[in-house]
Amino acid sequence: MGLTIWVDDWQVECCGDPFAIGSTVSWTVLPITDPDWLSDVLGPERAATVDAAEDHHTDAPDHLREITGVVQAISTVHCEF
C-alpha cells in the first residue's frame, strides 16, 4: 500500500532525520488539517492525493498514527509567502 505524506521543511530542519529514496522511515502522521491551504499550494488535483502529514510536534494524540515504510519517491514544492 502506498501513501503520499506531506512533510514540512521545518519539521525535518528542526529535529527530523534526513531521508532519501530507498530510506526506511518511521513517522508520526496525522490527517491533513488545512486542506484548503494544501490545495492552494499544490492545486486541487495533487492535493487530493496527499494522504496525511508528518508531524512530530503535535499535541493531538487522538489523531496520530505511526507508520513505517520505504520512501519510493520525493516531490518538492517551493512557495513564497
PDB file of N, CA and C in Angstrom:
ATOM      1  N   MET A   1       0.849  -1.172   0.000  1.00  0.00           N
ATOM      2  CA  MET A   1       0.000   0.000   0.000  1.00  0.00           C
ATOM      3  C   MET A   1       0.895   1.235   0.000  1.00  0.00           C
ATOM      4  N   GLY A   2       0.654   2.150  -0.887  1.00  0.00           N
ATOM      5  CA  GLY A   2       1.421   3.383  -0.941  1.00  0.00           C
ATOM      6  C   GLY A   2       0.667   4.544  -0.329  1.00  0.00           C
ATOM      7  N   LEU A   3       1.402   5.423   0.307  1.00  0.00           N
ATOM      8  CA  LEU A   3       0.837   6.639   0.882  1.00  0.00           C
ATOM      9  C   LEU A   3       1.637   7.836   0.399  1.00  0.00           C
ATOM     10  N   THR A   4       0.969   8.946   0.238  1.00  0.00           N
ATOM     11  CA  THR A   4       1.644  10.210  -0.049  1.00  0.00           C
ATOM     12  C   THR A   4       1.571  11.043   1.217  1.00  0.00           C
ATOM     13  N   ILE A   5       2.728  11.389   1.754  1.00  0.00           N
ATOM     14  CA  ILE A   5       2.812  12.099   3.029  1.00  0.00           C
ATOM     15  C   ILE A   5       3.406  13.487   2.802  1.00  0.00           C
ATOM     16  N   TRP A   6       2.755  14.507   3.325  1.00  0.00           N
ATOM     17  CA  TRP A   6       3.258  15.880   3.288  1.00  0.00           C
ATOM     18  C   TRP A   6       4.251  16.041   4.441  1.00  0.00           C
ATOM     19  N   VAL A   7       5.448  16.538   4.144  1.00  0.00           N
ATOM     20  CA  VAL A   7       6.466  16.769   5.161  1.00  0.00           C
ATOM     21  C   VAL A   7       6.902  18.229   5.049  1.00  0.00           C
ATOM     22  N   ASP A   8       6.598  19.032   6.061  1.00  0.00           N
ATOM     23  CA  ASP A   8       7.040  20.428   6.071  1.00  0.00           C
ATOM     24  C   ASP A   8       8.543  20.486   6.289  1.00  0.00           C
ATOM     25  N   ASP A   9       9.190  21.407   5.601  1.00  0.00           N
ATOM     26  CA  ASP A   9      10.644  21.524   5.734  1.00  0.00           C
ATOM     27  C   ASP A   9      11.068  21.799   7.168  1.00  0.00           C
ATOM     28  N   TRP A  10      10.320  22.620   7.877  1.00  0.00           N
ATOM     29  CA  TRP A  10      10.735  22.974   9.238  1.00  0.00           C
ATOM     30  C   TRP A  10      10.685  21.767  10.171  1.00  0.00           C
ATOM     31  N   GLN A  11       9.818  20.794   9.888  1.00  0.00           N
ATOM     32  CA  GLN A  11       9.759  19.590  10.715  1.00  0.00           C
ATOM     33  C   GLN A  11      11.084  18.825  10.620  1.00  0.00           C
ATOM     34  N   VAL A  12      11.615  18.714   9.408  1.00  0.00           N
ATOM     35  CA  VAL A  12      12.867  17.996   9.198  1.00  0.00           C
ATOM     36  C   VAL A  12      14.051  18.827   9.689  1.00  0.00           C
ATOM     37  N   GLU A  13      14.032  20.131   9.386  1.00  0.00           N
ATOM     38  CA  GLU A  13      15.137  21.000   9.792  1.00  0.00           C
ATOM     39  C   GLU A  13      15.268  21.069  11.309  1.00  0.00           C
ATOM     40  N   CYS A  14      14.146  21.066  11.999  1.00  0.00           N
ATOM     41  CA  CYS A  14      14.138  21.189  13.454  1.00  0.00           C
ATOM     42  C   CYS A  14      14.778  19.980  14.126  1.00  0.00           C
ATOM     43  N   CYS A  15      14.226  18.811  13.862  1.00  0.00           N
ATOM     44  CA  CYS A  15      14.718  17.635  14.572  1.00  0.00           C
ATOM     45  C   CYS A  15      14.390  16.337  13.845  1.00  0.00           C
ATOM     46  N   GLY A  16      14.211  16.439  12.543  1.00  0.00           N
ATOM     47  CA  GLY A  16      13.940  15.238  11.766  1.00  0.00           C
ATOM     48  C   GLY A  16      15.220  14.614  11.260  1.00  0.00           C
ATOM     49  N   ASP A  17      15.118  13.388  10.837  1.00  0.00           N
ATOM     50  CA  ASP A  17      16.263  12.682  10.270  1.00  0.00           C
ATOM     51  C   ASP A  17      16.224  12.813   8.750  1.00  0.00           C
ATOM     52  N   PRO A  18      17.371  13.050   8.128  1.00  0.00           N
ATOM     53  CA  PRO A  18      17.398  13.112   6.661  1.00  0.00           C
ATOM     54  C   PRO A  18      16.911  11.786   6.070  1.00  0.00           C
ATOM     55  N   PHE A  19      16.281  11.874   4.907  1.00  0.00           N
ATOM     56  CA  PHE A  19      15.812  10.673   4.227  1.00  0.00           C
ATOM     57  C   PHE A  19      15.994  10.853   2.729  1.00  0.00           C
ATOM     58  N   ALA A  20      16.001   9.755   2.023  1.00  0.00           N
ATOM     59  CA  ALA A  20      16.167   9.752   0.577  1.00  0.00           C
ATOM     60  C   ALA A  20      15.360   8.587   0.017  1.00  0.00           C
ATOM     61  N   ILE A  21      15.253   8.528  -1.289  1.00  0.00           N
ATOM     62  CA  ILE A  21      14.592   7.387  -1.912  1.00  0.00           C
ATOM     63  C   ILE A  21      15.323   6.117  -1.476  1.00  0.00           C
ATOM     64  N   GLY A  22      14.557   5.153  -1.017  1.00  0.00           N
ATOM     65  CA  GLY A  22      15.114   3.901  -0.518  1.00  0.00           C
ATOM     66  C   GLY A  22      15.272   3.857   0.992  1.00  0.00           C
ATOM     67  N   SER A  23      15.149   5.016   1.653  1.00  0.00           N
ATOM     68  CA  SER A  23      15.259   5.054   3.121  1.00  0.00           C
ATOM     69  C   SER A  23      14.040   4.405   3.759  1.00  0.00           C
ATOM     70  N   THR A  24      14.264   3.686   4.841  1.00  0.00           N
ATOM     71  CA  THR A  24      13.165   3.220   5.671  1.00  0.00           C
ATOM     72  C   THR A  24      12.917   4.290   6.715  1.00  0.00           C
ATOM     73  N   VAL A  25      11.671   4.745   6.807  1.00  0.00           N
ATOM     74  CA  VAL A  25      11.314   5.812   7.741  1.00  0.00           C
ATOM     75  C   VAL A  25      10.207   5.353   8.664  1.00  0.00           C
ATOM     76  N   SER A  26      10.204   5.879   9.863  1.00  0.00           N
ATOM     77  CA  SER A  26       9.106   5.695  10.810  1.00  0.00           C
ATOM     78  C   SER A  26       8.662   7.100  11.203  1.00  0.00           C
ATOM     79  N   TRP A  27       7.444   7.429  10.839  1.00  0.00           N
ATOM     80  CA  TRP A  27       6.926   8.768  11.063  1.00  0.00           C
ATOM     81  C   TRP A  27       5.614   8.723  11.820  1.00  0.00           C
ATOM     82  N   THR A  28       5.367   9.796  12.545  1.00  0.00           N
ATOM     83  CA  THR A  28       4.066  10.038  13.147  1.00  0.00           C
ATOM     84  C   THR A  28       3.308  10.933  12.180  1.00  0.00           C
ATOM     85  N   VAL A  29       2.144  10.506  11.765  1.00  0.00           N
ATOM     86  CA  VAL A  29       1.358  11.281  10.803  1.00  0.00           C
ATOM     87  C   VAL A  29      -0.026  11.572  11.369  1.00  0.00           C
ATOM     88  N   LEU A  30      -0.639  12.595  10.808  1.00  0.00           N
ATOM     89  CA  LEU A  30      -1.998  12.934  11.174  1.00  0.00           C
ATOM     90  C   LEU A  30      -2.739  13.383   9.931  1.00  0.00           C
ATOM     91  N   PRO A  31      -4.052  13.422   9.987  1.00  0.00           N
ATOM     92  CA  PRO A  31      -4.813  13.872   8.819  1.00  0.00           C
ATOM     93  C   PRO A  31      -4.423  15.299   8.440  1.00  0.00           C
ATOM     94  N   ILE A  32      -4.604  15.639   7.189  1.00  0.00           N
ATOM     95  CA  ILE A  32      -4.341  16.998   6.717  1.00  0.00           C
ATOM     96  C   ILE A  32      -5.281  17.943   7.467  1.00  0.00           C
ATOM     97  N   THR A  33      -4.700  18.931   8.146  1.00  0.00           N
ATOM     98  CA  THR A  33      -5.510  19.827   8.980  1.00  0.00           C
ATOM     99  C   THR A  33      -6.024  21.047   8.229  1.00  0.00           C
ATOM    100  N   ASP A  34      -5.399  21.390   7.104  1.00  0.00           N
ATOM    101  CA  ASP A  34      -5.836  22.558   6.343  1.00  0.00           C
ATOM    102  C   ASP A  34      -5.849  22.215   4.845  1.00  0.00           C
ATOM    103  N   PRO A  35      -6.858  21.471   4.420  1.00  0.00           N
ATOM    104  CA  PRO A  35      -6.896  21.043   3.022  1.00  0.00           C
ATOM    105  C   PRO A  35      -7.005  22.208   2.039  1.00  0.00           C
ATOM    106  N   ASP A  36      -7.613  23.313   2.449  1.00  0.00           N
ATOM    107  CA  ASP A  36      -7.718  24.465   1.557  1.00  0.00           C
ATOM    108  C   ASP A  36      -6.346  25.055   1.266  1.00  0.00           C
ATOM    109  N   TRP A  37      -5.505  25.171   2.300  1.00  0.00           N
ATOM    110  CA  TRP A  37      -4.145  25.682   2.106  1.00  0.00           C
ATOM    111  C   TRP A  37      -3.359  24.747   1.197  1.00  0.00           C
ATOM    112  N   LEU A  38      -3.459  23.460   1.449  1.00  0.00           N
ATOM    113  CA  LEU A  38      -2.740  22.488   0.636  1.00  0.00           C
ATOM    114  C   LEU A  38      -3.193  22.556  -0.818  1.00  0.00           C
ATOM    115  N   SER A  39      -4.464  22.736  -1.029  1.00  0.00           N
ATOM    116  CA  SER A  39      -4.999  22.865  -2.376  1.00  0.00           C
ATOM    117  C   SER A  39      -4.484  24.134  -3.060  1.00  0.00           C
ATOM    118  N   ASP A  40      -4.370  25.213  -2.310  1.00  0.00           N
ATOM    119  CA  ASP A  40      -3.816  26.457  -2.862  1.00  0.00           C
ATOM    120  C   ASP A  40      -2.363  26.275  -3.284  1.00  0.00           C
ATOM    121  N   VAL A  41      -1.602  25.523  -2.498  1.00  0.00           N
ATOM    122  CA  VAL A  41      -0.175  25.331  -2.768  1.00  0.00           C
ATOM    123  C   VAL A  41       0.054  24.321  -3.898  1.00  0.00           C
ATOM    124  N   LEU A  42      -0.648  23.201  -3.851  1.00  0.00           N
ATOM    125  CA  LEU A  42      -0.406  22.109  -4.797  1.00  0.00           C
ATOM    126  C   LEU A  42      -1.353  22.089  -5.990  1.00  0.00           C
ATOM    127  N   GLY A  43      -2.466  22.769  -5.866  1.00  0.00           N
ATOM    128  CA  GLY A  43      -3.548  22.612  -6.827  1.00  0.00           C
ATOM    129  C   GLY A  43      -4.469  21.513  -6.330  1.00  0.00           C
ATOM    130  N   PRO A  44      -5.735  21.614  -6.646  1.00  0.00           N
ATOM    131  CA  PRO A  44      -6.710  20.669  -6.076  1.00  0.00           C
ATOM    132  C   PRO A  44      -6.484  19.209  -6.455  1.00  0.00           C
ATOM    133  N   GLU A  45      -6.035  18.944  -7.677  1.00  0.00           N
ATOM    134  CA  GLU A  45      -5.849  17.544  -8.089  1.00  0.00           C
ATOM    135  C   GLU A  45      -4.711  16.883  -7.321  1.00  0.00           C
ATOM    136  N   ARG A  46      -3.579  17.558  -7.209  1.00  0.00           N
ATOM    137  CA  ARG A  46      -2.424  16.987  -6.492  1.00  0.00           C
ATOM    138  C   ARG A  46      -2.706  16.915  -4.998  1.00  0.00           C
ATOM    139  N   ALA A  47      -3.341  17.956  -4.450  1.00  0.00           N
ATOM    140  CA  ALA A  47      -3.653  17.964  -3.014  1.00  0.00           C
ATOM    141  C   ALA A  47      -4.537  16.788  -2.633  1.00  0.00           C
ATOM    142  N   ALA A  48      -5.416  16.389  -3.535  1.00  0.00           N
ATOM    143  CA  ALA A  48      -6.320  15.263  -3.259  1.00  0.00           C
ATOM    144  C   ALA A  48      -5.566  13.941  -3.131  1.00  0.00           C
ATOM    145  N   THR A  49      -4.305  13.885  -3.576  1.00  0.00           N
ATOM    146  CA  THR A  49      -3.528  12.647  -3.498  1.00  0.00           C
ATOM    147  C   THR A  49      -2.748  12.524  -2.193  1.00  0.00           C
ATOM    148  N   VAL A  50      -2.724  13.588  -1.381  1.00  0.00           N
ATOM    149  CA  VAL A  50      -1.958  13.566  -0.127  1.00  0.00           C
ATOM    150  C   VAL A  50      -2.790  12.886   0.947  1.00  0.00           C
ATOM    151  N   ASP A  51      -2.244  11.828   1.527  1.00  0.00           N
ATOM    152  CA  ASP A  51      -2.976  11.014   2.492  1.00  0.00           C
ATOM    153  C   ASP A  51      -2.878  11.520   3.925  1.00  0.00           C
ATOM    154  N   ALA A  52      -1.751  12.130   4.285  1.00  0.00           N
ATOM    155  CA  ALA A  52      -1.529  12.552   5.667  1.00  0.00           C
ATOM    156  C   ALA A  52      -0.339  13.504   5.704  1.00  0.00           C
ATOM    157  N   ALA A  53      -0.095  14.062   6.887  1.00  0.00           N
ATOM    158  CA  ALA A  53       1.051  14.948   7.090  1.00  0.00           C
ATOM    159  C   ALA A  53       1.905  14.408   8.224  1.00  0.00           C
ATOM    160  N   GLU A  54       3.217  14.455   8.027  1.00  0.00           N
ATOM    161  CA  GLU A  54       4.149  14.054   9.076  1.00  0.00           C
ATOM    162  C   GLU A  54       4.187  15.169  10.103  1.00  0.00           C
ATOM    163  N   ASP A  55       4.127  14.818  11.373  1.00  0.00           N
ATOM    164  CA  ASP A  55       4.159  15.845  12.427  1.00  0.00           C
ATOM    165  C   ASP A  55       4.623  15.218  13.728  1.00  0.00           C
ATOM    166  N   HIS A  56       5.775  15.605  14.184  1.00  0.00           N
ATOM    167  CA  HIS A  56       6.247  15.082  15.472  1.00  0.00           C
ATOM    168  C   HIS A  56       6.243  16.167  16.547  1.00  0.00           C
ATOM    169  N   HIS A  57       5.454  17.229  16.318  1.00  0.00           N
ATOM    170  CA  HIS A  57       5.329  18.308  17.297  1.00  0.00           C
ATOM    171  C   HIS A  57       3.887  18.523  17.729  1.00  0.00           C
ATOM    172  N   THR A  58       3.002  17.654  17.369  1.00  0.00           N
ATOM    173  CA  THR A  58       1.588  17.879  17.640  1.00  0.00           C
ATOM    174  C   THR A  58       1.213  17.512  19.073  1.00  0.00           C
ATOM    175  N   ASP A  59       0.158  18.136  19.542  1.00  0.00           N
ATOM    176  CA  ASP A  59      -0.373  17.794  20.865  1.00  0.00           C
ATOM    177  C   ASP A  59      -1.769  17.190  20.735  1.00  0.00           C
ATOM    178  N   ALA A  60      -2.041  16.577  19.589  1.00  0.00           N
ATOM    179  CA  ALA A  60      -3.343  15.958  19.332  1.00  0.00           C
ATOM    180  C   ALA A  60      -3.180  14.450  19.178  1.00  0.00           C
ATOM    181  N   PRO A  61      -2.858  13.735  20.265  1.00  0.00           N
ATOM    182  CA  PRO A  61      -2.549  12.308  20.149  1.00  0.00           C
ATOM    183  C   PRO A  61      -3.699  11.452  19.623  1.00  0.00           C
ATOM    184  N   ASP A  62      -4.933  11.905  19.757  1.00  0.00           N
ATOM    185  CA  ASP A  62      -6.056  11.097  19.274  1.00  0.00           C
ATOM    186  C   ASP A  62      -6.068  10.961  17.755  1.00  0.00           C
ATOM    187  N   HIS A  63      -5.392  11.870  17.056  1.00  0.00           N
ATOM    188  CA  HIS A  63      -5.411  11.868  15.599  1.00  0.00           C
ATOM    189  C   HIS A  63      -4.120  11.325  14.993  1.00  0.00           C
ATOM    190  N   LEU A  64      -3.190  10.912  15.826  1.00  0.00           N
ATOM    191  CA  LEU A  64      -1.888  10.470  15.336  1.00  0.00           C
ATOM    192  C   LEU A  64      -1.889   9.011  14.924  1.00  0.00           C
ATOM    193  N   ARG A  65      -1.013   8.696  14.006  1.00  0.00           N
ATOM    194  CA  ARG A  65      -0.829   7.322  13.548  1.00  0.00           C
ATOM    195  C   ARG A  65       0.653   7.132  13.262  1.00  0.00           C
ATOM    196  N   GLU A  66       1.212   6.044  13.702  1.00  0.00           N
ATOM    197  CA  GLU A  66       2.609   5.716  13.415  1.00  0.00           C
ATOM    198  C   GLU A  66       2.661   4.890  12.137  1.00  0.00           C
ATOM    199  N   ILE A  67       3.555   5.265  11.227  1.00  0.00           N
ATOM    200  CA  ILE A  67       3.736   4.481  10.012  1.00  0.00           C
ATOM    201  C   ILE A  67       5.221   4.193   9.819  1.00  0.00           C
ATOM    202  N   THR A  68       5.511   3.094   9.206  1.00  0.00           N
ATOM    203  CA  THR A  68       6.882   2.740   8.821  1.00  0.00           C
ATOM    204  C   THR A  68       6.810   2.265   7.383  1.00  0.00           C
ATOM    205  N   GLY A  69       7.753   2.742   6.584  1.00  0.00           N
ATOM    206  CA  GLY A  69       7.769   2.340   5.188  1.00  0.00           C
ATOM    207  C   GLY A  69       9.054   2.742   4.514  1.00  0.00           C
ATOM    208  N   VAL A  70       9.146   2.437   3.243  1.00  0.00           N
ATOM    209  CA  VAL A  70      10.313   2.762   2.428  1.00  0.00           C
ATOM    210  C   VAL A  70       9.923   3.894   1.487  1.00  0.00           C
ATOM    211  N   VAL A  71      10.728   4.936   1.457  1.00  0.00           N
ATOM    212  CA  VAL A  71      10.475   6.090   0.587  1.00  0.00           C
ATOM    213  C   VAL A  71      10.651   5.645  -0.865  1.00  0.00           C
ATOM    214  N   GLN A  72       9.599   5.796  -1.640  1.00  0.00           N
ATOM    215  CA  GLN A  72       9.603   5.384  -3.041  1.00  0.00           C
ATOM    216  C   GLN A  72       9.849   6.558  -3.993  1.00  0.00           C
ATOM    217  N   ALA A  73       9.459   7.761  -3.584  1.00  0.00           N
ATOM    218  CA  ALA A  73       9.599   8.942  -4.428  1.00  0.00           C
ATOM    219  C   ALA A  73       9.569  10.178  -3.540  1.00  0.00           C
ATOM    220  N   ILE A  74      10.180  11.235  -4.025  1.00  0.00           N
ATOM    221  CA  ILE A  74      10.166  12.517  -3.320  1.00  0.00           C
ATOM    222  C   ILE A  74       9.817  13.600  -4.335  1.00  0.00           C
ATOM    223  N   SER A  75       8.831  14.391  -4.015  1.00  0.00           N
ATOM    224  CA  SER A  75       8.475  15.558  -4.813  1.00  0.00           C
ATOM    225  C   SER A  75       8.649  16.778  -3.925  1.00  0.00           C
ATOM    226  N   THR A  76       9.156  17.848  -4.471  1.00  0.00           N
ATOM    227  CA  THR A  76       9.330  19.059  -3.676  1.00  0.00           C
ATOM    228  C   THR A  76       8.432  20.158  -4.180  1.00  0.00           C
ATOM    229  N   VAL A  77       8.073  21.018  -3.253  1.00  0.00           N
ATOM    230  CA  VAL A  77       7.259  22.183  -3.560  1.00  0.00           C
ATOM    231  C   VAL A  77       7.966  23.390  -2.976  1.00  0.00           C
ATOM    232  N   HIS A  78       8.096  24.405  -3.756  1.00  0.00           N
ATOM    233  CA  HIS A  78       8.698  25.648  -3.287  1.00  0.00           C
ATOM    234  C   HIS A  78       7.663  26.748  -3.450  1.00  0.00           C
ATOM    235  N   CYS A  79       7.400  27.473  -2.378  1.00  0.00           N
ATOM    236  CA  CYS A  79       6.456  28.569  -2.460  1.00  0.00           C
ATOM    237  C   CYS A  79       6.949  29.715  -1.592  1.00  0.00           C
ATOM    238  N   GLU A  80       6.456  30.867  -1.891  1.00  0.00           N
ATOM    239  CA  GLU A  80       6.868  32.062  -1.169  1.00  0.00           C
ATOM    240  C   GLU A  80       5.632  32.760  -0.652  1.00  0.00           C
ATOM    241  N   PHE A  81       5.699  33.212   0.591  1.00  0.00           N
ATOM    242  CA  PHE A  81       4.557  33.907   1.185  1.00  0.00           C
ATOM    243  C   PHE A  81       4.802  35.384   1.162  1.00  0.00           C
TER     244      PHE A  81
END
